[in-house]
Amino acid sequence: MPDCKICTTLPPKSQSPSYQAALAENPANVSRQGISLLGVALDGKVWKAFRTLSVTFLDNLTNDEQRQYREVIREWGNHINLDIAFTSERDADIRIKTKTSDNSSAVGTDALTVDVQNPTMYIAEKPGSSRFRTVLLHEFGHALGFEHEHLHPYANIPWNKQKVYDHFTRLGMSRAAIDENFFTKINQKMSVTAYDQKSIMHYPIEKTFTDGVFEVTENTELSRLDIHMARTVYPR
């Protein structure tokens, strides 16, 4: 993880528009009690079933670069009931900025709260690079409403928090941002099943941040539980 650009999710400006957007998009977002999901999904921010989810690129990409984006995104699309439609329209639901140094995304329907002239997703990795597919799979998981797996309520990662604070404050992150992205567990109102170390939504964790007792290497594929979760949240 020290050598990787970590993902930070794009928070809504406040919780009120986040809630209102989620409710307007999908009334079921407020009452998914009793559904058991594998992994951590924000049931309050999932898209309406069988809707078209439009995706656009805000920077000029070659046809081959666009093809590589489409191929990766469709790996999620193979397991969900949303129709992912790529468009040149600038007001698409998911607006991807590629000229950036960040990897980040709004979570699910929070994309609807982002000003239409702004991106809802940032991808720093370039098509053809070693981490492009991994990063894009991770960020598009956020776009579908899935949160970081290491924040799963049952994760219990034995962090040495001071080492994490020391490392990432040197990289310019605030202590509050570090808490939000590393330590603040997702408070789920619905049932979840076992924590999944193999999830594409998991941060890689170096042993140095756990005093040598725990590590997670960077996951590069959708795990079996990622796929199960996608099919459960967006059943065909």
C-alpha atoms as a PDB file:
ATOM      1  CA  MET A   1       0.000   0.000   0.000  1.00  0.00           C
ATOM      2  CA  PRO A   2       2.754   2.578   0.623  1.00  0.00           C
ATOM      3  CA  ASP A   3       3.708   2.392  -3.073  1.00  0.00           C
ATOM      4  CA  CYS A   4       0.118   2.547  -4.389  1.00  0.00           C
ATOM      5  CA  LYS A   5      -2.209   5.489  -4.930  1.00  0.00           C
ATOM      6  CA  ILE A   6      -4.984   4.655  -2.500  1.00  0.00           C
ATOM      7  CA  CYS A   7      -8.627   5.192  -3.324  1.00  0.00           C
ATOM      8  CA  THR A   8     -10.591   7.746  -1.351  1.00  0.00           C
ATOM      9  CA  THR A   9     -14.337   7.814  -1.913  1.00  0.00           C
ATOM     10  CA  LEU A  10     -16.004  11.106  -2.804  1.00  0.00           C
ATOM     11  CA  PRO A  11     -18.295  12.028   0.090  1.00  0.00           C
ATOM     12  CA  PRO A  12     -21.577  13.873  -0.520  1.00  0.00           C
ATOM     13  CA  LYS A  13     -21.660  17.523   0.485  1.00  0.00           C
ATOM     14  CA  SER A  14     -24.069  16.565   3.256  1.00  0.00           C
ATOM     15  CA  GLN A  15     -26.203  13.592   4.212  1.00  0.00           C
ATOM     16  CA  SER A  16     -29.525  15.224   3.314  1.00  0.00           C
ATOM     17  CA  PRO A  17     -29.020  15.400  -0.482  1.00  0.00           C
ATOM     18  CA  SER A  18     -27.413  11.953  -0.357  1.00  0.00           C
ATOM     19  CA  TYR A  19     -30.536  10.498   1.273  1.00  0.00           C
ATOM     20  CA  GLN A  20     -32.904  12.408  -1.008  1.00  0.00           C
ATOM     21  CA  ALA A  21     -31.088  11.305  -4.166  1.00  0.00           C
ATOM     22  CA  ALA A  22     -31.040   7.675  -3.055  1.00  0.00           C
ATOM     23  CA  LEU A  23     -34.756   7.718  -2.196  1.00  0.00           C
ATOM     24  CA  ALA A  24     -35.749   9.432  -5.450  1.00  0.00           C
ATOM     25  CA  GLU A  25     -33.664   6.964  -7.478  1.00  0.00           C
ATOM     26  CA  ASN A  26     -34.792   3.819  -5.711  1.00  0.00           C
ATOM     27  CA  PRO A  27     -37.439   3.816  -2.930  1.00  0.00           C
ATOM     28  CA  ALA A  28     -36.222   0.364  -1.874  1.00  0.00           C
ATOM     29  CA  ASN A  29     -33.044   1.992  -0.604  1.00  0.00           C
ATOM     30  CA  VAL A  30     -34.728   2.809   2.707  1.00  0.00           C
ATOM     31  CA  SER A  31     -36.006  -0.673   3.520  1.00  0.00           C
ATOM     32  CA  ARG A  32     -33.747  -3.545   2.560  1.00  0.00           C
ATOM     33  CA  GLN A  33     -33.797  -5.044   6.051  1.00  0.00           C
ATOM     34  CA  GLY A  34     -33.259  -8.753   6.267  1.00  0.00           C
ATOM     35  CA  ILE A  35     -31.301  -9.150   3.019  1.00  0.00           C
ATOM     36  CA  SER A  36     -28.032 -10.895   3.705  1.00  0.00           C
ATOM     37  CA  LEU A  37     -25.195  -9.670   1.514  1.00  0.00           C
ATOM     38  CA  LEU A  38     -21.665 -10.919   1.136  1.00  0.00           C
ATOM     39  CA  GLY A  39     -19.393  -7.987   1.748  1.00  0.00           C
ATOM     40  CA  VAL A  40     -20.267  -4.384   2.461  1.00  0.00           C
ATOM     41  CA  ALA A  41     -22.822  -2.674   0.216  1.00  0.00           C
ATOM     42  CA  LEU A  42     -24.591   0.568   1.029  1.00  0.00           C
ATOM     43  CA  ASP A  43     -28.170  -0.490   0.469  1.00  0.00           C
ATOM     44  CA  GLY A  44     -29.176   3.170   0.814  1.00  0.00           C
ATOM     45  CA  LYS A  45     -27.203   4.075  -2.321  1.00  0.00           C
ATOM     46  CA  VAL A  46     -27.947   1.381  -4.893  1.00  0.00           C
ATOM     47  CA  TRP A  47     -29.363   2.199  -8.309  1.00  0.00           C
ATOM     48  CA  LYS A  48     -32.889   1.323  -9.401  1.00  0.00           C
ATOM     49  CA  ALA A  49     -33.094  -2.183 -10.846  1.00  0.00           C
ATOM     50  CA  PHE A  50     -32.978  -2.551 -14.626  1.00  0.00           C
ATOM     51  CA  ARG A  51     -32.270   1.128 -15.229  1.00  0.00           C
ATOM     52  CA  THR A  52     -29.769   2.409 -17.775  1.00  0.00           C
ATOM     53  CA  LEU A  53     -26.603   3.663 -16.088  1.00  0.00           C
ATOM     54  CA  SER A  54     -24.905   6.073 -18.470  1.00  0.00           C
ATOM     55  CA  VAL A  55     -21.116   6.488 -18.438  1.00  0.00           C
ATOM     56  CA  THR A  56     -19.036   9.157 -20.143  1.00  0.00           C
ATOM     57  CA  PHE A  57     -15.377  10.194 -20.342  1.00  0.00           C
ATOM     58  CA  LEU A  58     -14.597  13.833 -19.643  1.00  0.00           C
ATOM     59  CA  ASP A  59     -11.206  13.790 -21.373  1.00  0.00           C
ATOM     60  CA  ASN A  60     -10.311  12.885 -24.936  1.00  0.00           C
ATOM     61  CA  LEU A  61      -9.504   9.178 -25.143  1.00  0.00           C
ATOM     62  CA  THR A  62      -8.577   7.186 -28.198  1.00  0.00           C
ATOM     63  CA  ASN A  63     -10.989   4.542 -29.426  1.00  0.00           C
ATOM     64  CA  ASP A  64      -8.649   1.853 -28.105  1.00  0.00           C
ATOM     65  CA  GLU A  65      -8.460   3.494 -24.668  1.00  0.00           C
ATOM     66  CA  GLN A  66     -12.253   3.711 -24.501  1.00  0.00           C
ATOM     67  CA  ARG A  67     -12.462   0.058 -25.494  1.00  0.00           C
ATOM     68  CA  GLN A  68     -10.200  -0.907 -22.594  1.00  0.00           C
ATOM     69  CA  TYR A  69     -12.388   1.033 -20.156  1.00  0.00           C
ATOM     70  CA  ARG A  70     -15.527  -0.608 -21.513  1.00  0.00           C
ATOM     71  CA  GLU A  71     -14.085  -4.106 -21.267  1.00  0.00           C
ATOM     72  CA  VAL A  72     -13.174  -3.688 -17.597  1.00  0.00           C
ATOM     73  CA  ILE A  73     -16.450  -2.030 -16.581  1.00  0.00           C
ATOM     74  CA  ARG A  74     -18.413  -4.795 -18.274  1.00  0.00           C
ATOM     75  CA  GLU A  75     -16.788  -7.322 -15.950  1.00  0.00           C
ATOM     76  CA  TRP A  76     -19.153  -5.906 -13.304  1.00  0.00           C
ATOM     77  CA  GLY A  77     -21.900  -5.517 -15.906  1.00  0.00           C
ATOM     78  CA  ASN A  78     -21.929  -9.271 -16.526  1.00  0.00           C
ATOM     79  CA  HIS A  79     -23.287  -9.843 -13.004  1.00  0.00           C
ATOM     80  CA  ILE A  80     -25.867  -7.075 -12.519  1.00  0.00           C
ATOM     81  CA  ASN A  81     -29.248  -6.030 -13.868  1.00  0.00           C
ATOM     82  CA  LEU A  82     -28.213  -2.510 -14.915  1.00  0.00           C
ATOM     83  CA  ASP A  83     -27.764  -1.590 -18.577  1.00  0.00           C
ATOM     84  CA  ILE A  84     -24.388   0.178 -18.690  1.00  0.00           C
ATOM     85  CA  ALA A  85     -24.482   2.557 -21.641  1.00  0.00           C
ATOM     86  CA  PHE A  86     -21.405   4.490 -22.792  1.00  0.00           C
ATOM     87  CA  THR A  87     -22.173   7.926 -24.190  1.00  0.00           C
ATOM     88  CA  SER A  88     -20.486  11.137 -25.266  1.00  0.00           C
ATOM     89  CA  GLU A  89     -23.044  13.212 -23.358  1.00  0.00           C
ATOM     90  CA  ARG A  90     -21.348  15.242 -20.621  1.00  0.00           C
ATOM     91  CA  ASP A  91     -24.253  14.891 -18.172  1.00  0.00           C
ATOM     92  CA  ALA A  92     -24.075  11.081 -17.884  1.00  0.00           C
ATOM     93  CA  ASP A  93     -24.722   9.420 -14.513  1.00  0.00           C
ATOM     94  CA  ILE A  94     -21.061   8.378 -14.182  1.00  0.00           C
ATOM     95  CA  ARG A  95     -18.560  10.977 -15.418  1.00  0.00           C
ATOM     96  CA  ILE A  96     -14.972   9.726 -15.520  1.00  0.00           C
ATOM     97  CA  LYS A  97     -12.007  12.108 -15.307  1.00  0.00           C
ATOM     98  CA  THR A  98      -8.778  10.552 -16.585  1.00  0.00           C
ATOM     99  CA  LYS A  99      -6.369  13.506 -16.490  1.00  0.00           C
ATOM    100  CA  THR A 100      -5.829  13.315 -12.758  1.00  0.00           C
ATOM    101  CA  SER A 101      -3.496  12.031 -10.066  1.00  0.00           C
ATOM    102  CA  ASP A 102      -6.350  10.592  -7.983  1.00  0.00           C
ATOM    103  CA  ASN A 103      -8.256   7.327  -7.872  1.00  0.00           C
ATOM    104  CA  SER A 104     -11.680   7.989  -6.366  1.00  0.00           C
ATOM    105  CA  SER A 105     -15.404   7.700  -6.940  1.00  0.00           C
ATOM    106  CA  ALA A 106     -18.738   8.721  -5.538  1.00  0.00           C
ATOM    107  CA  VAL A 107     -20.536   5.773  -3.925  1.00  0.00           C
ATOM    108  CA  GLY A 108     -23.622   4.646  -5.825  1.00  0.00           C
ATOM    109  CA  THR A 109     -26.406   7.221  -6.037  1.00  0.00           C
ATOM    110  CA  ASP A 110     -24.179   9.842  -4.402  1.00  0.00           C
ATOM    111  CA  ALA A 111     -23.109  10.439  -8.015  1.00  0.00           C
ATOM    112  CA  LEU A 112     -26.491  12.138  -8.460  1.00  0.00           C
ATOM    113  CA  THR A 113     -25.501  14.771  -5.882  1.00  0.00           C
ATOM    114  CA  VAL A 114     -22.319  15.790  -7.745  1.00  0.00           C
ATOM    115  CA  ASP A 115     -22.651  19.013  -9.752  1.00  0.00           C
ATOM    116  CA  VAL A 116     -23.239  17.973 -13.349  1.00  0.00           C
ATOM    117  CA  GLN A 117     -20.143  19.811 -14.605  1.00  0.00           C
ATOM    118  CA  ASN A 118     -17.903  17.823 -12.244  1.00  0.00           C
ATOM    119  CA  PRO A 119     -16.594  14.240 -12.411  1.00  0.00           C
ATOM    120  CA  THR A 120     -18.121  11.481 -10.302  1.00  0.00           C
ATOM    121  CA  MET A 121     -15.035   9.288 -10.746  1.00  0.00           C
ATOM    122  CA  TYR A 122     -11.296   9.866 -11.139  1.00  0.00           C
ATOM    123  CA  ILE A 123      -8.940   7.277 -12.617  1.00  0.00           C
ATOM    124  CA  ALA A 124      -5.225   8.104 -12.517  1.00  0.00           C
ATOM    125  CA  GLU A 125      -4.054   4.772 -13.954  1.00  0.00           C
ATOM    126  CA  LYS A 126      -3.779   4.663 -17.731  1.00  0.00           C
ATOM    127  CA  PRO A 127      -5.020   1.920 -20.066  1.00  0.00           C
ATOM    128  CA  GLY A 128      -2.215  -0.553 -20.571  1.00  0.00           C
ATOM    129  CA  SER A 129      -0.610   0.104 -17.169  1.00  0.00           C
ATOM    130  CA  SER A 130      -0.174  -2.766 -14.731  1.00  0.00           C
ATOM    131  CA  ARG A 131      -2.789  -1.458 -12.272  1.00  0.00           C
ATOM    132  CA  PHE A 132      -5.359   0.005 -14.672  1.00  0.00           C
ATOM    133  CA  ARG A 133      -7.785  -2.917 -14.594  1.00  0.00           C
ATOM    134  CA  THR A 134      -7.496  -3.388 -10.827  1.00  0.00           C
ATOM    135  CA  VAL A 135      -8.123   0.277 -10.066  1.00  0.00           C
ATOM    136  CA  LEU A 136     -11.022   0.595 -12.500  1.00  0.00           C
ATOM    137  CA  LEU A 137     -12.729  -2.541 -11.160  1.00  0.00           C
ATOM    138  CA  HIS A 138     -12.383  -1.118  -7.638  1.00  0.00           C
ATOM    139  CA  GLU A 139     -13.674   2.351  -8.493  1.00  0.00           C
ATOM    140  CA  PHE A 140     -16.592   1.085 -10.532  1.00  0.00           C
ATOM    141  CA  GLY A 141     -17.515  -1.107  -7.579  1.00  0.00           C
ATOM    142  CA  HIS A 142     -17.912   2.137  -5.633  1.00  0.00           C
ATOM    143  CA  ALA A 143     -20.022   3.557  -8.464  1.00  0.00           C
ATOM    144  CA  LEU A 144     -22.381   0.597  -8.034  1.00  0.00           C
ATOM    145  CA  GLY A 145     -22.724   1.361  -4.307  1.00  0.00           C
ATOM    146  CA  PHE A 146     -20.102  -0.934  -2.772  1.00  0.00           C
ATOM    147  CA  GLU A 147     -17.853   0.354   0.005  1.00  0.00           C
ATOM    148  CA  HIS A 148     -14.305  -0.510   1.068  1.00  0.00           C
ATOM    149  CA  GLU A 149     -14.136  -4.078   2.313  1.00  0.00           C
ATOM    150  CA  HIS A 150     -11.519  -3.327   4.985  1.00  0.00           C
ATOM    151  CA  LEU A 151     -14.235  -1.180   6.643  1.00  0.00           C
ATOM    152  CA  HIS A 152     -16.502  -4.224   6.935  1.00  0.00           C
ATOM    153  CA  PRO A 153     -17.905  -4.351  10.488  1.00  0.00           C
ATOM    154  CA  TYR A 154     -16.326  -7.785  11.006  1.00  0.00           C
ATOM    155  CA  ALA A 155     -12.895  -7.003   9.540  1.00  0.00           C
ATOM    156  CA  ASN A 156     -11.035  -6.477  12.861  1.00  0.00           C
ATOM    157  CA  ILE A 157      -7.732  -5.589  11.195  1.00  0.00           C
ATOM    158  CA  PRO A 158      -4.951  -5.242  13.814  1.00  0.00           C
ATOM    159  CA  TRP A 159      -3.771  -1.830  12.630  1.00  0.00           C
ATOM    160  CA  ASN A 160      -0.863   0.001  14.182  1.00  0.00           C
ATOM    161  CA  LYS A 161      -2.766   3.252  13.788  1.00  0.00           C
ATOM    162  CA  GLN A 162       0.170   5.495  14.575  1.00  0.00           C
ATOM    163  CA  LYS A 163       2.190   4.032  11.717  1.00  0.00           C
ATOM    164  CA  VAL A 164      -0.736   4.613   9.361  1.00  0.00           C
ATOM    165  CA  TYR A 165      -1.149   8.199  10.598  1.00  0.00           C
ATOM    166  CA  ASP A 166       2.581   8.883  10.279  1.00  0.00           C
ATOM    167  CA  HIS A 167       2.818   7.498   6.743  1.00  0.00           C
ATOM    168  CA  PHE A 168      -0.249   9.124   5.237  1.00  0.00           C
ATOM    169  CA  THR A 169       0.063  12.499   6.940  1.00  0.00           C
ATOM    170  CA  ARG A 170       3.475  12.719   5.259  1.00  0.00           C
ATOM    171  CA  LEU A 171       1.620  12.192   1.971  1.00  0.00           C
ATOM    172  CA  GLY A 172      -0.727  15.078   2.740  1.00  0.00           C
ATOM    173  CA  MET A 173      -3.795  13.304   4.138  1.00  0.00           C
ATOM    174  CA  SER A 174      -5.527  14.789   7.152  1.00  0.00           C
ATOM    175  CA  ARG A 175      -6.045  12.692  10.270  1.00  0.00           C
ATOM    176  CA  ALA A 176      -9.811  12.887   9.690  1.00  0.00           C
ATOM    177  CA  ALA A 177      -9.412  11.571   6.135  1.00  0.00           C
ATOM    178  CA  ILE A 178      -7.190   8.750   7.382  1.00  0.00           C
ATOM    179  CA  ASP A 179      -9.786   7.778   9.984  1.00  0.00           C
ATOM    180  CA  GLU A 180     -12.560   7.802   7.369  1.00  0.00           C
ATOM    181  CA  ASN A 181     -10.652   5.736   4.824  1.00  0.00           C
ATOM    182  CA  PHE A 182      -8.884   3.260   7.123  1.00  0.00           C
ATOM    183  CA  PHE A 183     -10.522   2.934  10.509  1.00  0.00           C
ATOM    184  CA  THR A 184     -14.185   4.006  10.532  1.00  0.00           C
ATOM    185  CA  LYS A 185     -16.270   0.861  10.157  1.00  0.00           C
ATOM    186  CA  ILE A 186     -19.334   0.935   7.928  1.00  0.00           C
ATOM    187  CA  ASN A 187     -22.418   1.114  10.108  1.00  0.00           C
ATOM    188  CA  GLN A 188     -24.733  -1.256   8.320  1.00  0.00           C
ATOM    189  CA  LYS A 189     -28.482  -1.272   8.877  1.00  0.00           C
ATOM    190  CA  MET A 190     -28.799  -4.496   6.936  1.00  0.00           C
ATOM    191  CA  SER A 191     -27.319  -7.916   7.493  1.00  0.00           C
ATOM    192  CA  VAL A 192     -23.893  -8.712   6.071  1.00  0.00           C
ATOM    193  CA  THR A 193     -22.034 -11.969   5.899  1.00  0.00           C
ATOM    194  CA  ALA A 194     -18.376 -12.764   6.314  1.00  0.00           C
ATOM    195  CA  TYR A 195     -15.612 -10.270   5.682  1.00  0.00           C
ATOM    196  CA  ASP A 196     -13.842 -10.996   2.382  1.00  0.00           C
ATOM    197  CA  GLN A 197     -10.057 -10.489   2.269  1.00  0.00           C
ATOM    198  CA  LYS A 198     -10.094 -11.352  -1.455  1.00  0.00           C
ATOM    199  CA  SER A 199     -12.550  -8.613  -2.424  1.00  0.00           C
ATOM    200  CA  ILE A 200     -11.582  -6.192  -5.182  1.00  0.00           C
ATOM    201  CA  MET A 201     -12.921  -3.535  -2.788  1.00  0.00           C
ATOM    202  CA  HIS A 202     -10.231  -4.261  -0.170  1.00  0.00           C
ATOM    203  CA  TYR A 203      -7.206  -2.008   0.295  1.00  0.00           C
ATOM    204  CA  PRO A 204      -3.882  -3.812   0.016  1.00  0.00           C
ATOM    205  CA  ILE A 205      -2.404  -3.807   3.524  1.00  0.00           C
ATOM    206  CA  GLU A 206       1.329  -3.999   4.099  1.00  0.00           C
ATOM    207  CA  LYS A 207       2.620  -5.875   7.138  1.00  0.00           C
ATOM    208  CA  THR A 208       4.383  -2.725   8.273  1.00  0.00           C
ATOM    209  CA  PHE A 209       0.993  -1.233   9.218  1.00  0.00           C
ATOM    210  CA  THR A 210       0.067  -4.215  11.414  1.00  0.00           C
ATOM    211  CA  ASP A 211       3.450  -4.845  13.053  1.00  0.00           C
ATOM    212  CA  GLY A 212       3.984  -7.858  10.822  1.00  0.00           C
ATOM    213  CA  VAL A 213       0.959  -9.875  11.918  1.00  0.00           C
ATOM    214  CA  PHE A 214      -1.485  -9.279   9.051  1.00  0.00           C
ATOM    215  CA  GLU A 215      -1.368  -8.388   5.385  1.00  0.00           C
ATOM    216  CA  VAL A 216      -3.576  -8.325   2.306  1.00  0.00           C
ATOM    217  CA  THR A 217      -1.904  -8.216  -1.079  1.00  0.00           C
ATOM    218  CA  GLU A 218      -3.558  -6.189  -3.808  1.00  0.00           C
ATOM    219  CA  ASN A 219      -6.539  -8.100  -5.177  1.00  0.00           C
ATOM    220  CA  THR A 220      -6.750  -7.951  -8.957  1.00  0.00           C
ATOM    221  CA  GLU A 221      -9.942  -9.908  -9.711  1.00  0.00           C
ATOM    222  CA  LEU A 222     -13.571  -9.828  -8.668  1.00  0.00           C
ATOM    223  CA  SER A 223     -13.757 -12.391  -5.888  1.00  0.00           C
ATOM    224  CA  ARG A 224     -16.406 -15.089  -5.659  1.00  0.00           C
ATOM    225  CA  LEU A 225     -18.083 -13.061  -2.921  1.00  0.00           C
ATOM    226  CA  ASP A 226     -17.852  -9.821  -4.949  1.00  0.00           C
ATOM    227  CA  ILE A 227     -19.799 -11.538  -7.715  1.00  0.00           C
ATOM    228  CA  HIS A 228     -22.314 -12.987  -5.269  1.00  0.00           C
ATOM    229  CA  MET A 229     -22.826  -9.566  -3.717  1.00  0.00           C
ATOM    230  CA  ALA A 230     -23.322  -7.909  -7.118  1.00  0.00           C
ATOM    231  CA  ARG A 231     -25.871 -10.536  -8.115  1.00  0.00           C
ATOM    232  CA  THR A 232     -27.675 -10.148  -4.786  1.00  0.00           C
ATOM    233  CA  VAL A 233     -27.859  -6.358  -4.892  1.00  0.00           C
ATOM    234  CA  TYR A 234     -28.740  -6.241  -8.598  1.00  0.00           C
ATOM    235  CA  PRO A 235     -30.516  -9.576  -9.270  1.00  0.00           C
ATOM    236  CA  ARG A 236     -31.395 -10.342 -12.841  1.00  0.00           C
END
